[in-house]
């Protein structure tokens, strides 16, 4: 059974940094495109960043130059390094795994940016 478990969320001041981690199990991790999405209160879920099985990355416009996604296929883990955090980065962050029509989501981790 596929499972994605996020960790690393929390409270941080504006300008600070956080690292999110997503541990995957039950899927052939290396072939999946992995990604992070977020949803703020009252808003739709939006793309943060994705990383393909070939290592190519794609970042959402609002996080370009600040967030970095990476993956470790040996550990079945995808990371999101978040720097220069802003108030509007506050959201629940979700890990996603996709391959063709297959689609898996984690339970989400809260990131709150506040002074």
PDB file of N, CA and C in Angstrom:
ATOM      1  N   UNK A   1       0.850  -1.190   0.000  1.00  0.00           N
ATOM      2  CA  UNK A   1       0.000   0.000   0.000  1.00  0.00           C
ATOM      3  C   UNK A   1       0.889   1.244   0.000  1.00  0.00           C
ATOM      4  N   UNK A   2       0.574   2.155  -0.913  1.00  0.00           N
ATOM      5  CA  UNK A   2       1.378   3.371  -1.024  1.00  0.00           C
ATOM      6  C   UNK A   2       1.166   4.277   0.181  1.00  0.00           C
ATOM      7  N   UNK A   3       2.249   4.900   0.612  1.00  0.00           N
ATOM      8  CA  UNK A   3       2.159   5.832   1.727  1.00  0.00           C
ATOM      9  C   UNK A   3       3.210   6.915   1.566  1.00  0.00           C
ATOM     10  N   UNK A   4       2.784   8.154   1.749  1.00  0.00           N
ATOM     11  CA  UNK A   4       3.682   9.307   1.747  1.00  0.00           C
ATOM     12  C   UNK A   4       3.548   9.988   3.096  1.00  0.00           C
ATOM     13  N   UNK A   5       4.663  10.202   3.774  1.00  0.00           N
ATOM     14  CA  UNK A   5       4.637  10.808   5.102  1.00  0.00           C
ATOM     15  C   UNK A   5       5.538  12.038   5.109  1.00  0.00           C
ATOM     16  N   UNK A   6       4.910  13.201   5.316  1.00  0.00           N
ATOM     17  CA  UNK A   6       5.649  14.460   5.354  1.00  0.00           C
ATOM     18  C   UNK A   6       6.107  14.770   6.776  1.00  0.00           C
ATOM     19  N   UNK A   7       7.190  15.503   6.864  1.00  0.00           N
ATOM     20  CA  UNK A   7       7.686  15.995   8.157  1.00  0.00           C
ATOM     21  C   UNK A   7       8.467  17.279   7.928  1.00  0.00           C
ATOM     22  N   UNK A   8       8.699  18.024   9.015  1.00  0.00           N
ATOM     23  CA  UNK A   8       9.537  19.207   8.938  1.00  0.00           C
ATOM     24  C   UNK A   8       8.810  20.533   8.986  1.00  0.00           C
ATOM     25  N   UNK A   9       7.492  20.501   8.972  1.00  0.00           N
ATOM     26  CA  UNK A   9       6.758  21.748   9.058  1.00  0.00           C
ATOM     27  C   UNK A   9       6.875  22.390  10.421  1.00  0.00           C
ATOM     28  N   UNK A  10       6.396  23.621  10.529  1.00  0.00           N
ATOM     29  CA  UNK A  10       6.446  24.315  11.812  1.00  0.00           C
ATOM     30  C   UNK A  10       6.275  25.798  11.650  1.00  0.00           C
ATOM     31  N   UNK A  11       6.642  26.513  12.687  1.00  0.00           N
ATOM     32  CA  UNK A  11       6.527  27.974  12.738  1.00  0.00           C
ATOM     33  C   UNK A  11       7.893  28.600  12.494  1.00  0.00           C
ATOM     34  N   UNK A  12       7.937  29.570  11.611  1.00  0.00           N
ATOM     35  CA  UNK A  12       9.200  30.240  11.286  1.00  0.00           C
ATOM     36  C   UNK A  12       8.930  31.713  11.053  1.00  0.00           C
ATOM     37  N   UNK A  13       9.921  32.536  11.333  1.00  0.00           N
ATOM     38  CA  UNK A  13       9.773  33.976  11.111  1.00  0.00           C
ATOM     39  C   UNK A  13      10.009  34.311   9.636  1.00  0.00           C
ATOM     40  N   UNK A  14       9.449  35.423   9.189  1.00  0.00           N
ATOM     41  CA  UNK A  14       9.725  35.861   7.806  1.00  0.00           C
ATOM     42  C   UNK A  14      11.221  35.974   7.559  1.00  0.00           C
ATOM     43  N   UNK A  15      11.639  35.503   6.395  1.00  0.00           N
ATOM     44  CA  UNK A  15      13.056  35.497   6.054  1.00  0.00           C
ATOM     45  C   UNK A  15      13.782  34.243   6.481  1.00  0.00           C
ATOM     46  N   UNK A  16      13.127  33.407   7.254  1.00  0.00           N
ATOM     47  CA  UNK A  16      13.742  32.185   7.756  1.00  0.00           C
ATOM     48  C   UNK A  16      13.689  31.042   6.757  1.00  0.00           C
ATOM     49  N   UNK A  17      14.149  29.882   7.222  1.00  0.00           N
ATOM     50  CA  UNK A  17      14.232  28.700   6.372  1.00  0.00           C
ATOM     51  C   UNK A  17      13.621  27.493   7.067  1.00  0.00           C
ATOM     52  N   UNK A  18      13.135  26.575   6.257  1.00  0.00           N
ATOM     53  CA  UNK A  18      12.648  25.287   6.733  1.00  0.00           C
ATOM     54  C   UNK A  18      12.966  24.241   5.683  1.00  0.00           C
ATOM     55  N   UNK A  19      13.090  22.988   6.151  1.00  0.00           N
ATOM     56  CA  UNK A  19      13.263  21.871   5.234  1.00  0.00           C
ATOM     57  C   UNK A  19      12.144  20.874   5.469  1.00  0.00           C
ATOM     58  N   UNK A  20      11.396  20.583   4.411  1.00  0.00           N
ATOM     59  CA  UNK A  20      10.367  19.550   4.470  1.00  0.00           C
ATOM     60  C   UNK A  20      10.909  18.260   3.875  1.00  0.00           C
ATOM     61  N   UNK A  21      10.454  17.159   4.453  1.00  0.00           N
ATOM     62  CA  UNK A  21      10.856  15.849   3.967  1.00  0.00           C
ATOM     63  C   UNK A  21       9.620  14.997   3.740  1.00  0.00           C
ATOM     64  N   UNK A  22       9.673  14.155   2.726  1.00  0.00           N
ATOM     65  CA  UNK A  22       8.576  13.234   2.434  1.00  0.00           C
ATOM     66  C   UNK A  22       9.186  11.852   2.228  1.00  0.00           C
ATOM     67  N   UNK A  23       8.774  10.925   3.061  1.00  0.00           N
ATOM     68  CA  UNK A  23       9.239   9.544   2.960  1.00  0.00           C
ATOM     69  C   UNK A  23       8.164   8.712   2.286  1.00  0.00           C
ATOM     70  N   UNK A  24       8.544   8.031   1.221  1.00  0.00           N
ATOM     71  CA  UNK A  24       7.591   7.234   0.453  1.00  0.00           C
ATOM     72  C   UNK A  24       7.812   5.748   0.696  1.00  0.00           C
ATOM     73  N   UNK A  25       6.727   5.011   0.690  1.00  0.00           N
ATOM     74  CA  UNK A  25       6.802   3.552   0.786  1.00  0.00           C
ATOM     75  C   UNK A  25       5.680   2.947  -0.041  1.00  0.00           C
ATOM     76  N   UNK A  26       5.881   1.692  -0.456  1.00  0.00           N
ATOM     77  CA  UNK A  26       4.836   1.003  -1.194  1.00  0.00           C
ATOM     78  C   UNK A  26       4.733   1.364  -2.665  1.00  0.00           C
ATOM     79  N   UNK A  27       5.692   2.139  -3.179  1.00  0.00           N
ATOM     80  CA  UNK A  27       5.698   2.499  -4.596  1.00  0.00           C
ATOM     81  C   UNK A  27       7.123   2.333  -5.138  1.00  0.00           C
ATOM     82  N   UNK A  28       7.248   2.089  -6.451  1.00  0.00           N
ATOM     83  CA  UNK A  28       8.602   2.091  -7.056  1.00  0.00           C
ATOM     84  C   UNK A  28       9.067   3.524  -7.206  1.00  0.00           C
ATOM     85  N   UNK A  29       9.621   4.051  -6.150  1.00  0.00           N
ATOM     86  CA  UNK A  29       9.862   5.491  -5.983  1.00  0.00           C
ATOM     87  C   UNK A  29      10.607   6.104  -7.167  1.00  0.00           C
ATOM     88  N   UNK A  30      11.620   5.427  -7.656  1.00  0.00           N
ATOM     89  CA  UNK A  30      12.513   6.058  -8.636  1.00  0.00           C
ATOM     90  C   UNK A  30      11.820   6.403  -9.949  1.00  0.00           C
ATOM     91  N   UNK A  31      10.717   5.766 -10.270  1.00  0.00           N
ATOM     92  CA  UNK A  31      10.052   6.049 -11.549  1.00  0.00           C
ATOM     93  C   UNK A  31       8.982   7.134 -11.421  1.00  0.00           C
ATOM     94  N   UNK A  32       8.666   7.494 -10.191  1.00  0.00           N
ATOM     95  CA  UNK A  32       7.603   8.460  -9.974  1.00  0.00           C
ATOM     96  C   UNK A  32       8.116   9.890 -10.098  1.00  0.00           C
ATOM     97  N   UNK A  33       7.272  10.763 -10.620  1.00  0.00           N
ATOM     98  CA  UNK A  33       7.491  12.195 -10.464  1.00  0.00           C
ATOM     99  C   UNK A  33       7.004  12.566  -9.070  1.00  0.00           C
ATOM    100  N   UNK A  34       7.872  13.207  -8.306  1.00  0.00           N
ATOM    101  CA  UNK A  34       7.535  13.617  -6.945  1.00  0.00           C
ATOM    102  C   UNK A  34       7.338  15.127  -6.911  1.00  0.00           C
ATOM    103  N   UNK A  35       6.475  15.555  -6.023  1.00  0.00           N
ATOM    104  CA  UNK A  35       6.220  16.982  -5.975  1.00  0.00           C
ATOM    105  C   UNK A  35       5.711  17.446  -4.634  1.00  0.00           C
ATOM    106  N   UNK A  36       5.724  18.745  -4.488  1.00  0.00           N
ATOM    107  CA  UNK A  36       5.132  19.419  -3.333  1.00  0.00           C
ATOM    108  C   UNK A  36       4.086  20.397  -3.826  1.00  0.00           C
ATOM    109  N   UNK A  37       2.951  20.381  -3.163  1.00  0.00           N
ATOM    110  CA  UNK A  37       1.868  21.321  -3.406  1.00  0.00           C
ATOM    111  C   UNK A  37       1.496  21.948  -2.073  1.00  0.00           C
ATOM    112  N   UNK A  38       0.797  23.059  -2.127  1.00  0.00           N
ATOM    113  CA  UNK A  38       0.377  23.694  -0.876  1.00  0.00           C
ATOM    114  C   UNK A  38      -1.010  24.272  -1.028  1.00  0.00           C
ATOM    115  N   UNK A  39      -1.668  24.395   0.113  1.00  0.00           N
ATOM    116  CA  UNK A  39      -3.003  24.981   0.139  1.00  0.00           C
ATOM    117  C   UNK A  39      -3.133  25.882   1.348  1.00  0.00           C
ATOM    118  N   UNK A  40      -3.374  27.146   1.067  1.00  0.00           N
ATOM    119  CA  UNK A  40      -3.597  28.127   2.120  1.00  0.00           C
ATOM    120  C   UNK A  40      -5.098  28.230   2.404  1.00  0.00           C
ATOM    121  N   UNK A  41      -5.478  28.701   3.577  1.00  0.00           N
ATOM    122  CA  UNK A  41      -6.908  28.812   3.903  1.00  0.00           C
ATOM    123  C   UNK A  41      -7.658  29.649   2.866  1.00  0.00           C
ATOM    124  N   UNK A  42      -8.746  29.116   2.368  1.00  0.00           N
ATOM    125  CA  UNK A  42      -9.575  29.840   1.416  1.00  0.00           C
ATOM    126  C   UNK A  42      -9.049  29.869  -0.001  1.00  0.00           C
ATOM    127  N   UNK A  43      -7.946  29.151  -0.237  1.00  0.00           N
ATOM    128  CA  UNK A  43      -7.354  29.146  -1.580  1.00  0.00           C
ATOM    129  C   UNK A  43      -7.285  27.728  -2.133  1.00  0.00           C
ATOM    130  N   UNK A  44      -7.122  27.630  -3.435  1.00  0.00           N
ATOM    131  CA  UNK A  44      -6.980  26.331  -4.075  1.00  0.00           C
ATOM    132  C   UNK A  44      -5.562  25.792  -3.867  1.00  0.00           C
ATOM    133  N   UNK A  45      -5.467  24.467  -3.961  1.00  0.00           N
ATOM    134  CA  UNK A  45      -4.145  23.849  -3.867  1.00  0.00           C
ATOM    135  C   UNK A  45      -3.324  24.273  -5.083  1.00  0.00           C
ATOM    136  N   UNK A  46      -2.052  24.608  -4.853  1.00  0.00           N
ATOM    137  CA  UNK A  46      -1.201  25.076  -5.942  1.00  0.00           C
ATOM    138  C   UNK A  46       0.123  24.332  -5.955  1.00  0.00           C
ATOM    139  N   UNK A  47       0.718  24.294  -7.140  1.00  0.00           N
ATOM    140  CA  UNK A  47       2.024  23.673  -7.315  1.00  0.00           C
ATOM    141  C   UNK A  47       3.101  24.476  -6.598  1.00  0.00           C
ATOM    142  N   UNK A  48       3.970  23.763  -5.866  1.00  0.00           N
ATOM    143  CA  UNK A  48       5.171  24.383  -5.314  1.00  0.00           C
ATOM    144  C   UNK A  48       6.363  23.989  -6.188  1.00  0.00           C
ATOM    145  N   UNK A  49       6.591  22.684  -6.320  1.00  0.00           N
ATOM    146  CA  UNK A  49       7.718  22.206  -7.120  1.00  0.00           C
ATOM    147  C   UNK A  49       7.547  20.727  -7.406  1.00  0.00           C
ATOM    148  N   UNK A  50       8.080  20.307  -8.551  1.00  0.00           N
ATOM    149  CA  UNK A  50       8.113  18.884  -8.883  1.00  0.00           C
ATOM    150  C   UNK A  50       9.513  18.491  -9.323  1.00  0.00           C
ATOM    151  N   UNK A  51       9.795  17.192  -9.211  1.00  0.00           N
ATOM    152  CA  UNK A  51      11.063  16.650  -9.689  1.00  0.00           C
ATOM    153  C   UNK A  51      10.775  15.312 -10.356  1.00  0.00           C
ATOM    154  N   UNK A  52      11.197  15.199 -11.608  1.00  0.00           N
ATOM    155  CA  UNK A  52      10.920  13.984 -12.355  1.00  0.00           C
ATOM    156  C   UNK A  52      11.871  12.857 -12.010  1.00  0.00           C
ATOM    157  N   UNK A  53      11.578  11.699 -12.606  1.00  0.00           N
ATOM    158  CA  UNK A  53      12.450  10.550 -12.392  1.00  0.00           C
ATOM    159  C   UNK A  53      13.844  10.799 -12.961  1.00  0.00           C
ATOM    160  N   UNK A  54      13.938  11.732 -13.904  1.00  0.00           N
ATOM    161  CA  UNK A  54      15.235  12.078 -14.490  1.00  0.00           C
ATOM    162  C   UNK A  54      15.925  13.207 -13.749  1.00  0.00           C
ATOM    163  N   UNK A  55      15.319  13.688 -12.678  1.00  0.00           N
ATOM    164  CA  UNK A  55      15.922  14.749 -11.882  1.00  0.00           C
ATOM    165  C   UNK A  55      15.557  16.157 -12.307  1.00  0.00           C
ATOM    166  N   UNK A  56      14.821  16.286 -13.405  1.00  0.00           N
ATOM    167  CA  UNK A  56      14.430  17.621 -13.849  1.00  0.00           C
ATOM    168  C   UNK A  56      13.416  18.203 -12.880  1.00  0.00           C
ATOM    169  N   UNK A  57      13.574  19.494 -12.608  1.00  0.00           N
ATOM    170  CA  UNK A  57      12.708  20.154 -11.646  1.00  0.00           C
ATOM    171  C   UNK A  57      11.861  21.235 -12.304  1.00  0.00           C
ATOM    172  N   UNK A  58      10.761  21.524 -11.654  1.00  0.00           N
ATOM    173  CA  UNK A  58       9.864  22.582 -12.105  1.00  0.00           C
ATOM    174  C   UNK A  58       9.332  23.266 -10.860  1.00  0.00           C
ATOM    175  N   UNK A  59       9.523  24.568 -10.771  1.00  0.00           N
ATOM    176  CA  UNK A  59       9.065  25.322  -9.607  1.00  0.00           C
ATOM    177  C   UNK A  59       7.910  26.230  -9.966  1.00  0.00           C
ATOM    178  N   UNK A  60       6.998  26.380  -9.033  1.00  0.00           N
ATOM    179  CA  UNK A  60       5.939  27.355  -9.204  1.00  0.00           C
ATOM    180  C   UNK A  60       6.508  28.767  -9.214  1.00  0.00           C
ATOM    181  N   UNK A  61       5.840  29.676  -9.887  1.00  0.00           N
ATOM    182  CA  UNK A  61       6.357  31.032 -10.047  1.00  0.00           C
ATOM    183  C   UNK A  61       6.593  31.729  -8.710  1.00  0.00           C
ATOM    184  N   UNK A  62       5.746  31.469  -7.744  1.00  0.00           N
ATOM    185  CA  UNK A  62       5.832  32.195  -6.480  1.00  0.00           C
ATOM    186  C   UNK A  62       7.014  31.754  -5.616  1.00  0.00           C
ATOM    187  N   UNK A  63       7.651  30.644  -5.935  1.00  0.00           N
ATOM    188  CA  UNK A  63       8.740  30.145  -5.102  1.00  0.00           C
ATOM    189  C   UNK A  63      10.072  30.079  -5.845  1.00  0.00           C
ATOM    190  N   UNK A  64      10.092  30.472  -7.109  1.00  0.00           N
ATOM    191  CA  UNK A  64      11.330  30.406  -7.878  1.00  0.00           C
ATOM    192  C   UNK A  64      12.411  31.254  -7.233  1.00  0.00           C
ATOM    193  N   UNK A  65      13.591  30.656  -7.129  1.00  0.00           N
ATOM    194  CA  UNK A  65      14.722  31.351  -6.519  1.00  0.00           C
ATOM    195  C   UNK A  65      14.766  31.258  -5.011  1.00  0.00           C
ATOM    196  N   UNK A  66      13.711  30.687  -4.393  1.00  0.00           N
ATOM    197  CA  UNK A  66      13.673  30.586  -2.931  1.00  0.00           C
ATOM    198  C   UNK A  66      13.591  29.145  -2.437  1.00  0.00           C
ATOM    199  N   UNK A  67      12.896  28.301  -3.178  1.00  0.00           N
ATOM    200  CA  UNK A  67      12.679  26.906  -2.777  1.00  0.00           C
ATOM    201  C   UNK A  67      13.438  25.976  -3.722  1.00  0.00           C
ATOM    202  N   UNK A  68      13.935  24.868  -3.158  1.00  0.00           N
ATOM    203  CA  UNK A  68      14.656  23.880  -3.945  1.00  0.00           C
ATOM    204  C   UNK A  68      14.148  22.485  -3.618  1.00  0.00           C
ATOM    205  N   UNK A  69      13.765  21.758  -4.655  1.00  0.00           N
ATOM    206  CA  UNK A  69      13.313  20.382  -4.464  1.00  0.00           C
ATOM    207  C   UNK A  69      14.433  19.433  -4.872  1.00  0.00           C
ATOM    208  N   UNK A  70      14.536  18.335  -4.140  1.00  0.00           N
ATOM    209  CA  UNK A  70      15.536  17.318  -4.470  1.00  0.00           C
ATOM    210  C   UNK A  70      14.990  15.951  -4.069  1.00  0.00           C
ATOM    211  N   UNK A  71      15.634  14.913  -4.578  1.00  0.00           N
ATOM    212  CA  UNK A  71      15.179  13.568  -4.239  1.00  0.00           C
ATOM    213  C   UNK A  71      16.373  12.659  -3.997  1.00  0.00           C
ATOM    214  N   UNK A  72      16.161  11.661  -3.160  1.00  0.00           N
ATOM    215  CA  UNK A  72      17.164  10.646  -2.871  1.00  0.00           C
ATOM    216  C   UNK A  72      16.501   9.294  -3.134  1.00  0.00           C
ATOM    217  N   UNK A  73      16.776   8.725  -4.284  1.00  0.00           N
ATOM    218  CA  UNK A  73      16.114   7.474  -4.656  1.00  0.00           C
ATOM    219  C   UNK A  73      16.547   6.309  -3.769  1.00  0.00           C
ATOM    220  N   UNK A  74      17.731   6.383  -3.208  1.00  0.00           N
ATOM    221  CA  UNK A  74      18.202   5.314  -2.323  1.00  0.00           C
ATOM    222  C   UNK A  74      17.421   5.289  -1.014  1.00  0.00           C
ATOM    223  N   UNK A  75      16.908   6.457  -0.617  1.00  0.00           N
ATOM    224  CA  UNK A  75      16.175   6.559   0.650  1.00  0.00           C
ATOM    225  C   UNK A  75      14.680   6.758   0.430  1.00  0.00           C
ATOM    226  N   UNK A  76      14.242   6.748  -0.833  1.00  0.00           N
ATOM    227  CA  UNK A  76      12.814   6.969  -1.155  1.00  0.00           C
ATOM    228  C   UNK A  76      12.295   8.245  -0.491  1.00  0.00           C
ATOM    229  N   UNK A  77      13.079   9.311  -0.637  1.00  0.00           N
ATOM    230  CA  UNK A  77      12.760  10.564   0.044  1.00  0.00           C
ATOM    231  C   UNK A  77      12.842  11.738  -0.922  1.00  0.00           C
ATOM    232  N   UNK A  78      11.934  12.674  -0.766  1.00  0.00           N
ATOM    233  CA  UNK A  78      11.993  13.924  -1.505  1.00  0.00           C
ATOM    234  C   UNK A  78      12.017  15.062  -0.484  1.00  0.00           C
ATOM    235  N   UNK A  79      12.890  16.023  -0.738  1.00  0.00           N
ATOM    236  CA  UNK A  79      13.080  17.150   0.170  1.00  0.00           C
ATOM    237  C   UNK A  79      12.625  18.453  -0.481  1.00  0.00           C
ATOM    238  N   UNK A  80      12.227  19.399   0.354  1.00  0.00           N
ATOM    239  CA  UNK A  80      11.937  20.751  -0.111  1.00  0.00           C
ATOM    240  C   UNK A  80      12.650  21.713   0.822  1.00  0.00           C
ATOM    241  N   UNK A  81      13.686  22.353   0.305  1.00  0.00           N
ATOM    242  CA  UNK A  81      14.407  23.384   1.058  1.00  0.00           C
ATOM    243  C   UNK A  81      13.737  24.718   0.776  1.00  0.00           C
ATOM    244  N   UNK A  82      13.283  25.381   1.836  1.00  0.00           N
ATOM    245  CA  UNK A  82      12.562  26.634   1.684  1.00  0.00           C
ATOM    246  C   UNK A  82      13.351  27.757   2.365  1.00  0.00           C
ATOM    247  N   UNK A  83      13.764  28.716   1.589  1.00  0.00           N
ATOM    248  CA  UNK A  83      14.524  29.862   2.098  1.00  0.00           C
ATOM    249  C   UNK A  83      13.746  31.146   1.860  1.00  0.00           C
ATOM    250  N   UNK A  84      14.161  32.192   2.549  1.00  0.00           N
ATOM    251  CA  UNK A  84      13.531  33.513   2.396  1.00  0.00           C
ATOM    252  C   UNK A  84      12.015  33.413   2.499  1.00  0.00           C
ATOM    253  N   UNK A  85      11.561  32.712   3.507  1.00  0.00           N
ATOM    254  CA  UNK A  85      10.125  32.484   3.655  1.00  0.00           C
ATOM    255  C   UNK A  85       9.383  33.789   3.893  1.00  0.00           C
ATOM    256  N   UNK A  86       8.195  33.855   3.327  1.00  0.00           N
ATOM    257  CA  UNK A  86       7.340  35.039   3.418  1.00  0.00           C
ATOM    258  C   UNK A  86       6.036  34.677   4.102  1.00  0.00           C
ATOM    259  N   UNK A  87       5.317  35.695   4.524  1.00  0.00           N
ATOM    260  CA  UNK A  87       4.038  35.464   5.198  1.00  0.00           C
ATOM    261  C   UNK A  87       3.092  34.653   4.304  1.00  0.00           C
ATOM    262  N   UNK A  88       3.138  34.923   3.000  1.00  0.00           N
ATOM    263  CA  UNK A  88       2.197  34.246   2.103  1.00  0.00           C
ATOM    264  C   UNK A  88       2.633  32.833   1.721  1.00  0.00           C
ATOM    265  N   UNK A  89       3.712  32.349   2.329  1.00  0.00           N
ATOM    266  CA  UNK A  89       4.075  30.934   2.182  1.00  0.00           C
ATOM    267  C   UNK A  89       3.346  30.059   3.197  1.00  0.00           C
ATOM    268  N   UNK A  90       2.631  30.690   4.103  1.00  0.00           N
ATOM    269  CA  UNK A  90       1.872  29.941   5.101  1.00  0.00           C
ATOM    270  C   UNK A  90       0.812  29.086   4.417  1.00  0.00           C
ATOM    271  N   UNK A  91       0.850  27.780   4.702  1.00  0.00           N
ATOM    272  CA  UNK A  91      -0.073  26.838   4.058  1.00  0.00           C
ATOM    273  C   UNK A  91       0.171  25.441   4.613  1.00  0.00           C
ATOM    274  N   UNK A  92      -0.716  24.537   4.247  1.00  0.00           N
ATOM    275  CA  UNK A  92      -0.446  23.121   4.445  1.00  0.00           C
ATOM    276  C   UNK A  92       0.264  22.625   3.189  1.00  0.00           C
ATOM    277  N   UNK A  93       1.392  21.985   3.392  1.00  0.00           N
ATOM    278  CA  UNK A  93       2.208  21.491   2.286  1.00  0.00           C
ATOM    279  C   UNK A  93       2.007  19.980   2.141  1.00  0.00           C
ATOM    280  N   UNK A  94       1.716  19.574   0.903  1.00  0.00           N
ATOM    281  CA  UNK A  94       1.416  18.174   0.620  1.00  0.00           C
ATOM    282  C   UNK A  94       2.464  17.570  -0.309  1.00  0.00           C
ATOM    283  N   UNK A  95       2.862  16.371   0.002  1.00  0.00           N
ATOM    284  CA  UNK A  95       3.741  15.600  -0.872  1.00  0.00           C
ATOM    285  C   UNK A  95       2.877  14.836  -1.872  1.00  0.00           C
ATOM    286  N   UNK A  96       3.356  14.759  -3.110  1.00  0.00           N
ATOM    287  CA  UNK A  96       2.613  14.070  -4.167  1.00  0.00           C
ATOM    288  C   UNK A  96       3.548  13.163  -4.949  1.00  0.00           C
ATOM    289  N   UNK A  97       3.011  12.000  -5.342  1.00  0.00           N
ATOM    290  CA  UNK A  97       3.728  11.067  -6.212  1.00  0.00           C
ATOM    291  C   UNK A  97       2.831  10.736  -7.389  1.00  0.00           C
ATOM    292  N   UNK A  98       3.380  10.880  -8.603  1.00  0.00           N
ATOM    293  CA  UNK A  98       2.583  10.623  -9.790  1.00  0.00           C
ATOM    294  C   UNK A  98       3.331   9.795 -10.814  1.00  0.00           C
ATOM    295  N   UNK A  99       2.585   8.870 -11.450  1.00  0.00           N
ATOM    296  CA  UNK A  99       3.159   8.065 -12.522  1.00  0.00           C
ATOM    297  C   UNK A  99       2.012   7.627 -13.418  1.00  0.00           C
ATOM    298  N   UNK A 100       1.936   8.186 -14.601  1.00  0.00           N
ATOM    299  CA  UNK A 100       0.808   7.898 -15.473  1.00  0.00           C
ATOM    300  C   UNK A 100      -0.480   8.288 -14.784  1.00  0.00           C
ATOM    301  N   UNK A 101      -1.397   7.339 -14.681  1.00  0.00           N
ATOM    302  CA  UNK A 101      -2.686   7.604 -14.029  1.00  0.00           C
ATOM    303  C   UNK A 101      -2.627   7.379 -12.523  1.00  0.00           C
ATOM    304  N   UNK A 102      -1.479   6.963 -12.020  1.00  0.00           N
ATOM    305  CA  UNK A 102      -1.330   6.711 -10.587  1.00  0.00           C
ATOM    306  C   UNK A 102      -1.045   8.018  -9.863  1.00  0.00           C
ATOM    307  N   UNK A 103      -1.630   8.154  -8.697  1.00  0.00           N
ATOM    308  CA  UNK A 103      -1.662   9.441  -8.037  1.00  0.00           C
ATOM    309  C   UNK A 103      -1.742   9.205  -6.531  1.00  0.00           C
ATOM    310  N   UNK A 104      -0.727   9.661  -5.772  1.00  0.00           N
ATOM    311  CA  UNK A 104      -0.736   9.471  -4.326  1.00  0.00           C
ATOM    312  C   UNK A 104      -0.453  10.792  -3.616  1.00  0.00           C
ATOM    313  N   UNK A 105      -1.091  11.008  -2.474  1.00  0.00           N
ATOM    314  CA  UNK A 105      -0.908  12.225  -1.679  1.00  0.00           C
ATOM    315  C   UNK A 105      -0.576  11.873  -0.237  1.00  0.00           C
ATOM    316  N   UNK A 106       0.241  12.726   0.364  1.00  0.00           N
ATOM    317  CA  UNK A 106       0.471  12.627   1.787  1.00  0.00           C
ATOM    318  C   UNK A 106      -0.618  13.348   2.554  1.00  0.00           C
ATOM    319  N   UNK A 107      -0.509  13.302   3.873  1.00  0.00           N
ATOM    320  CA  UNK A 107      -1.537  13.895   4.726  1.00  0.00           C
ATOM    321  C   UNK A 107      -1.324  15.390   4.941  1.00  0.00           C
ATOM    322  N   UNK A 108      -0.157  15.884   4.606  1.00  0.00           N
ATOM    323  CA  UNK A 108       0.121  17.315   4.710  1.00  0.00           C
ATOM    324  C   UNK A 108       0.852  17.687   5.983  1.00  0.00           C
ATOM    325  N   UNK A 109       1.618  18.763   5.908  1.00  0.00           N
ATOM    326  CA  UNK A 109       2.308  19.307   7.068  1.00  0.00           C
ATOM    327  C   UNK A 109       2.157  20.835   7.050  1.00  0.00           C
ATOM    328  N   UNK A 110       1.868  21.398   8.211  1.00  0.00           N
ATOM    329  CA  UNK A 110       1.588  22.830   8.296  1.00  0.00           C
ATOM    330  C   UNK A 110       2.892  23.622   8.351  1.00  0.00           C
ATOM    331  N   UNK A 111       2.962  24.646   7.526  1.00  0.00           N
ATOM    332  CA  UNK A 111       4.047  25.626   7.583  1.00  0.00           C
ATOM    333  C   UNK A 111       3.412  26.980   7.874  1.00  0.00           C
ATOM    334  N   UNK A 112       3.863  27.602   8.948  1.00  0.00           N
ATOM    335  CA  UNK A 112       3.344  28.910   9.331  1.00  0.00           C
ATOM    336  C   UNK A 112       4.495  29.900   9.399  1.00  0.00           C
ATOM    337  N   UNK A 113       4.372  30.963   8.616  1.00  0.00           N
ATOM    338  CA  UNK A 113       5.376  32.032   8.624  1.00  0.00           C
ATOM    339  C   UNK A 113       4.753  33.231   9.321  1.00  0.00           C
ATOM    340  N   UNK A 114       5.340  33.593  10.452  1.00  0.00           N
ATOM    341  CA  UNK A 114       4.759  34.659  11.257  1.00  0.00           C
ATOM    342  C   UNK A 114       5.828  35.296  12.134  1.00  0.00           C
ATOM    343  N   UNK A 115       5.676  36.599  12.352  1.00  0.00           N
ATOM    344  CA  UNK A 115       6.591  37.299  13.254  1.00  0.00           C
ATOM    345  C   UNK A 115       6.012  37.338  14.660  1.00  0.00           C
TER     346      UNK A 115
END
